[in-house]
Amino acid sequence: MIAAEKWLELLKIYHKDNRLTIWHLSLLHAIVQLAYHQKEQDVIRVSRSKLMEVSHIDTISTYHKYFKQLQELGYIKYFPSYHPGYRSVVKINIPPLKY
Protein backbone atom coordinates (compact mmCIF):
# COMPACT_ATOMS: atom_id res chain seq x y z
CA MET A 1 0.00 0.00 0.00
CA ILE A 2 1.20 3.49 -0.76
CA ALA A 3 1.13 5.81 2.23
CA ALA A 4 -0.93 8.99 2.16
CA GLU A 5 2.27 11.04 1.96
CA LYS A 6 3.21 9.41 -1.34
CA TRP A 7 -0.24 10.15 -2.80
CA LEU A 8 0.14 13.77 -1.69
CA GLU A 9 3.54 13.95 -3.41
CA LEU A 10 1.96 12.60 -6.58
CA LEU A 11 -0.71 15.30 -6.43
CA LYS A 12 2.02 17.94 -6.07
CA ILE A 13 3.54 16.67 -9.33
CA TYR A 14 0.17 17.00 -11.04
CA HIS A 15 -0.26 20.57 -9.82
CA LYS A 16 3.03 21.61 -11.43
CA ASP A 17 1.79 20.80 -14.93
CA ASN A 18 0.36 23.99 -16.44
CA ARG A 19 -1.40 21.97 -19.15
CA LEU A 20 -3.86 20.63 -16.60
CA THR A 21 -7.09 22.46 -15.87
CA ILE A 22 -9.26 22.25 -12.79
CA TRP A 23 -11.25 19.48 -14.49
CA HIS A 24 -8.12 17.36 -15.10
CA LEU A 25 -7.01 17.88 -11.52
CA SER A 26 -10.45 17.07 -10.19
CA LEU A 27 -10.44 13.74 -12.03
CA LEU A 28 -6.90 12.97 -10.90
CA HIS A 29 -7.85 13.74 -7.30
CA ALA A 30 -10.86 11.43 -7.62
CA ILE A 31 -8.69 8.61 -9.01
CA VAL A 32 -6.08 9.08 -6.28
CA GLN A 33 -8.80 9.14 -3.63
CA LEU A 34 -10.26 5.87 -4.93
CA ALA A 35 -6.78 4.33 -5.07
CA TYR A 36 -6.10 5.32 -1.49
CA HIS A 37 -9.41 3.91 -0.26
CA GLN A 38 -8.86 0.69 -2.24
CA LYS A 39 -5.34 0.44 -0.79
CA GLU A 40 -3.95 0.11 -4.31
CA GLN A 41 -0.61 1.22 -5.70
CA ASP A 42 -1.06 1.16 -9.46
CA VAL A 43 -4.34 -0.35 -10.56
CA ILE A 44 -7.59 1.25 -9.46
CA ARG A 45 -11.05 -0.13 -10.14
CA VAL A 46 -13.31 2.68 -11.27
CA SER A 47 -16.70 3.44 -12.66
CA ARG A 48 -17.66 6.52 -14.59
CA SER A 49 -20.47 7.32 -12.19
CA LYS A 50 -18.18 7.15 -9.14
CA LEU A 51 -15.47 9.28 -10.76
CA MET A 52 -18.06 11.85 -11.82
CA GLU A 53 -19.50 11.93 -8.31
CA VAL A 54 -16.16 12.32 -6.54
CA SER A 55 -14.79 14.85 -9.05
CA HIS A 56 -18.04 16.88 -9.11
CA ILE A 57 -18.27 16.66 -12.89
CA ASP A 58 -21.94 16.76 -13.86
CA THR A 59 -21.96 16.08 -17.60
CA ILE A 60 -20.81 12.94 -19.38
CA SER A 61 -19.31 14.94 -22.27
CA THR A 62 -17.11 16.95 -19.87
CA TYR A 63 -16.05 13.77 -18.10
CA HIS A 64 -15.10 12.01 -21.36
CA LYS A 65 -13.24 15.04 -22.71
CA TYR A 66 -10.94 15.43 -19.73
CA PHE A 67 -10.60 11.71 -19.00
CA LYS A 68 -9.43 11.18 -22.58
CA GLN A 69 -6.98 14.08 -22.32
CA LEU A 70 -5.47 12.57 -19.16
CA GLN A 71 -4.83 9.41 -21.17
CA GLU A 72 -3.30 11.38 -24.06
CA LEU A 73 -1.04 13.33 -21.65
CA GLY A 74 0.18 10.04 -20.18
CA TYR A 75 -1.17 10.49 -16.67
CA ILE A 76 -3.39 7.42 -16.77
CA LYS A 77 -3.90 4.25 -18.74
CA TYR A 78 -7.47 3.08 -19.03
CA PHE A 79 -8.56 -0.52 -19.40
CA PRO A 80 -12.32 -0.62 -19.95
CA SER A 81 -14.47 -3.50 -18.82
CA TYR A 82 -17.36 -4.25 -21.10
CA HIS A 83 -18.89 -6.63 -18.58
CA PRO A 84 -21.61 -5.04 -16.45
CA GLY A 85 -20.46 -6.97 -13.38
CA TYR A 86 -16.85 -5.80 -13.48
CA ARG A 87 -15.50 -2.31 -13.08
CA SER A 88 -12.99 -0.79 -15.46
CA VAL A 89 -9.38 -0.31 -14.39
CA VAL A 90 -7.20 2.79 -14.39
CA LYS A 91 -3.43 2.64 -13.99
CA ILE A 92 -1.75 5.78 -12.69
CA ASN A 93 1.43 6.86 -14.47
CA ILE A 94 3.93 9.42 -13.33
CA PRO A 95 4.88 11.20 -16.53
CA PRO A 96 8.35 12.73 -16.85
CA LEU A 97 8.52 16.38 -15.87
CA LYS A 98 8.72 18.17 -19.24
CA TYR A 99 6.83 21.33 -18.45
C-alpha atoms as a PDB file:
ATOM      1  CA  MET A   1       0.000   0.000   0.000  1.00  0.00           C
ATOM      2  CA  ILE A   2       1.201   3.495  -0.764  1.00  0.00           C
ATOM      3  CA  ALA A   3       1.128   5.808   2.226  1.00  0.00           C
ATOM      4  CA  ALA A   4      -0.928   8.991   2.161  1.00  0.00           C
ATOM      5  CA  GLU A   5       2.271  11.041   1.960  1.00  0.00           C
ATOM      6  CA  LYS A   6       3.206   9.413  -1.336  1.00  0.00           C
ATOM      7  CA  TRP A   7      -0.238  10.147  -2.801  1.00  0.00           C
ATOM      8  CA  LEU A   8       0.142  13.769  -1.693  1.00  0.00           C
ATOM      9  CA  GLU A   9       3.542  13.951  -3.412  1.00  0.00           C
ATOM     10  CA  LEU A  10       1.957  12.596  -6.583  1.00  0.00           C
ATOM     11  CA  LEU A  11      -0.711  15.297  -6.429  1.00  0.00           C
ATOM     12  CA  LYS A  12       2.020  17.936  -6.074  1.00  0.00           C
ATOM     13  CA  ILE A  13       3.537  16.668  -9.334  1.00  0.00           C
ATOM     14  CA  TYR A  14       0.171  16.999 -11.043  1.00  0.00           C
ATOM     15  CA  HIS A  15      -0.260  20.572  -9.817  1.00  0.00           C
ATOM     16  CA  LYS A  16       3.031  21.614 -11.435  1.00  0.00           C
ATOM     17  CA  ASP A  17       1.785  20.796 -14.926  1.00  0.00           C
ATOM     18  CA  ASN A  18       0.355  23.987 -16.442  1.00  0.00           C
ATOM     19  CA  ARG A  19      -1.399  21.972 -19.149  1.00  0.00           C
ATOM     20  CA  LEU A  20      -3.858  20.628 -16.602  1.00  0.00           C
ATOM     21  CA  THR A  21      -7.086  22.457 -15.865  1.00  0.00           C
ATOM     22  CA  ILE A  22      -9.255  22.247 -12.791  1.00  0.00           C
ATOM     23  CA  TRP A  23     -11.247  19.477 -14.487  1.00  0.00           C
ATOM     24  CA  HIS A  24      -8.121  17.365 -15.100  1.00  0.00           C
ATOM     25  CA  LEU A  25      -7.010  17.883 -11.518  1.00  0.00           C
ATOM     26  CA  SER A  26     -10.454  17.071 -10.191  1.00  0.00           C
ATOM     27  CA  LEU A  27     -10.445  13.742 -12.028  1.00  0.00           C
ATOM     28  CA  LEU A  28      -6.902  12.966 -10.901  1.00  0.00           C
ATOM     29  CA  HIS A  29      -7.849  13.737  -7.305  1.00  0.00           C
ATOM     30  CA  ALA A  30     -10.855  11.429  -7.625  1.00  0.00           C
ATOM     31  CA  ILE A  31      -8.691   8.614  -9.013  1.00  0.00           C
ATOM     32  CA  VAL A  32      -6.075   9.075  -6.278  1.00  0.00           C
ATOM     33  CA  GLN A  33      -8.802   9.138  -3.631  1.00  0.00           C
ATOM     34  CA  LEU A  34     -10.265   5.867  -4.929  1.00  0.00           C
ATOM     35  CA  ALA A  35      -6.784   4.332  -5.072  1.00  0.00           C
ATOM     36  CA  TYR A  36      -6.098   5.322  -1.487  1.00  0.00           C
ATOM     37  CA  HIS A  37      -9.408   3.907  -0.258  1.00  0.00           C
ATOM     38  CA  GLN A  38      -8.864   0.691  -2.242  1.00  0.00           C
ATOM     39  CA  LYS A  39      -5.340   0.440  -0.793  1.00  0.00           C
ATOM     40  CA  GLU A  40      -3.954   0.107  -4.306  1.00  0.00           C
ATOM     41  CA  GLN A  41      -0.615   1.225  -5.705  1.00  0.00           C
ATOM     42  CA  ASP A  42      -1.064   1.155  -9.459  1.00  0.00           C
ATOM     43  CA  VAL A  43      -4.339  -0.350 -10.559  1.00  0.00           C
ATOM     44  CA  ILE A  44      -7.589   1.252  -9.460  1.00  0.00           C
ATOM     45  CA  ARG A  45     -11.049  -0.130 -10.139  1.00  0.00           C
ATOM     46  CA  VAL A  46     -13.307   2.685 -11.270  1.00  0.00           C
ATOM     47  CA  SER A  47     -16.704   3.442 -12.662  1.00  0.00           C
ATOM     48  CA  ARG A  48     -17.655   6.524 -14.592  1.00  0.00           C
ATOM     49  CA  SER A  49     -20.467   7.325 -12.192  1.00  0.00           C
ATOM     50  CA  LYS A  50     -18.179   7.151  -9.139  1.00  0.00           C
ATOM     51  CA  LEU A  51     -15.472   9.282 -10.758  1.00  0.00           C
ATOM     52  CA  MET A  52     -18.056  11.847 -11.817  1.00  0.00           C
ATOM     53  CA  GLU A  53     -19.500  11.927  -8.307  1.00  0.00           C
ATOM     54  CA  VAL A  54     -16.157  12.322  -6.535  1.00  0.00           C
ATOM     55  CA  SER A  55     -14.787  14.853  -9.050  1.00  0.00           C
ATOM     56  CA  HIS A  56     -18.038  16.884  -9.106  1.00  0.00           C
ATOM     57  CA  ILE A  57     -18.270  16.665 -12.885  1.00  0.00           C
ATOM     58  CA  ASP A  58     -21.940  16.757 -13.862  1.00  0.00           C
ATOM     59  CA  THR A  59     -21.962  16.080 -17.601  1.00  0.00           C
ATOM     60  CA  ILE A  60     -20.809  12.944 -19.379  1.00  0.00           C
ATOM     61  CA  SER A  61     -19.306  14.941 -22.269  1.00  0.00           C
ATOM     62  CA  THR A  62     -17.109  16.949 -19.872  1.00  0.00           C
ATOM     63  CA  TYR A  63     -16.048  13.772 -18.104  1.00  0.00           C
ATOM     64  CA  HIS A  64     -15.102  12.014 -21.355  1.00  0.00           C
ATOM     65  CA  LYS A  65     -13.241  15.037 -22.709  1.00  0.00           C
ATOM     66  CA  TYR A  66     -10.936  15.426 -19.725  1.00  0.00           C
ATOM     67  CA  PHE A  67     -10.603  11.713 -19.000  1.00  0.00           C
ATOM     68  CA  LYS A  68      -9.431  11.181 -22.581  1.00  0.00           C
ATOM     69  CA  GLN A  69      -6.983  14.084 -22.321  1.00  0.00           C
ATOM     70  CA  LEU A  70      -5.468  12.565 -19.163  1.00  0.00           C
ATOM     71  CA  GLN A  71      -4.830   9.414 -21.175  1.00  0.00           C
ATOM     72  CA  GLU A  72      -3.300  11.384 -24.058  1.00  0.00           C
ATOM     73  CA  LEU A  73      -1.044  13.325 -21.654  1.00  0.00           C
ATOM     74  CA  GLY A  74       0.181  10.035 -20.177  1.00  0.00           C
ATOM     75  CA  TYR A  75      -1.170  10.492 -16.668  1.00  0.00           C
ATOM     76  CA  ILE A  76      -3.387   7.420 -16.769  1.00  0.00           C
ATOM     77  CA  LYS A  77      -3.904   4.251 -18.737  1.00  0.00           C
ATOM     78  CA  TYR A  78      -7.467   3.077 -19.035  1.00  0.00           C
ATOM     79  CA  PHE A  79      -8.563  -0.525 -19.405  1.00  0.00           C
ATOM     80  CA  PRO A  80     -12.325  -0.620 -19.949  1.00  0.00           C
ATOM     81  CA  SER A  81     -14.473  -3.498 -18.817  1.00  0.00           C
ATOM     82  CA  TYR A  82     -17.360  -4.246 -21.101  1.00  0.00           C
ATOM     83  CA  HIS A  83     -18.895  -6.625 -18.585  1.00  0.00           C
ATOM     84  CA  PRO A  84     -21.610  -5.038 -16.446  1.00  0.00           C
ATOM     85  CA  GLY A  85     -20.464  -6.968 -13.377  1.00  0.00           C
ATOM     86  CA  TYR A  86     -16.850  -5.799 -13.482  1.00  0.00           C
ATOM     87  CA  ARG A  87     -15.498  -2.307 -13.081  1.00  0.00           C
ATOM     88  CA  SER A  88     -12.987  -0.793 -15.458  1.00  0.00           C
ATOM     89  CA  VAL A  89      -9.378  -0.306 -14.394  1.00  0.00           C
ATOM     90  CA  VAL A  90      -7.201   2.794 -14.388  1.00  0.00           C
ATOM     91  CA  LYS A  91      -3.431   2.639 -13.985  1.00  0.00           C
ATOM     92  CA  ILE A  92      -1.753   5.782 -12.686  1.00  0.00           C
ATOM     93  CA  ASN A  93       1.428   6.857 -14.474  1.00  0.00           C
ATOM     94  CA  ILE A  94       3.928   9.423 -13.327  1.00  0.00           C
ATOM     95  CA  PRO A  95       4.876  11.197 -16.533  1.00  0.00           C
ATOM     96  CA  PRO A  96       8.345  12.731 -16.846  1.00  0.00           C
ATOM     97  CA  LEU A  97       8.521  16.380 -15.865  1.00  0.00           C
ATOM     98  CA  LYS A  98       8.719  18.165 -19.238  1.00  0.00           C
ATOM     99  CA  TYR A  99       6.831  21.328 -18.452  1.00  0.00           C
END
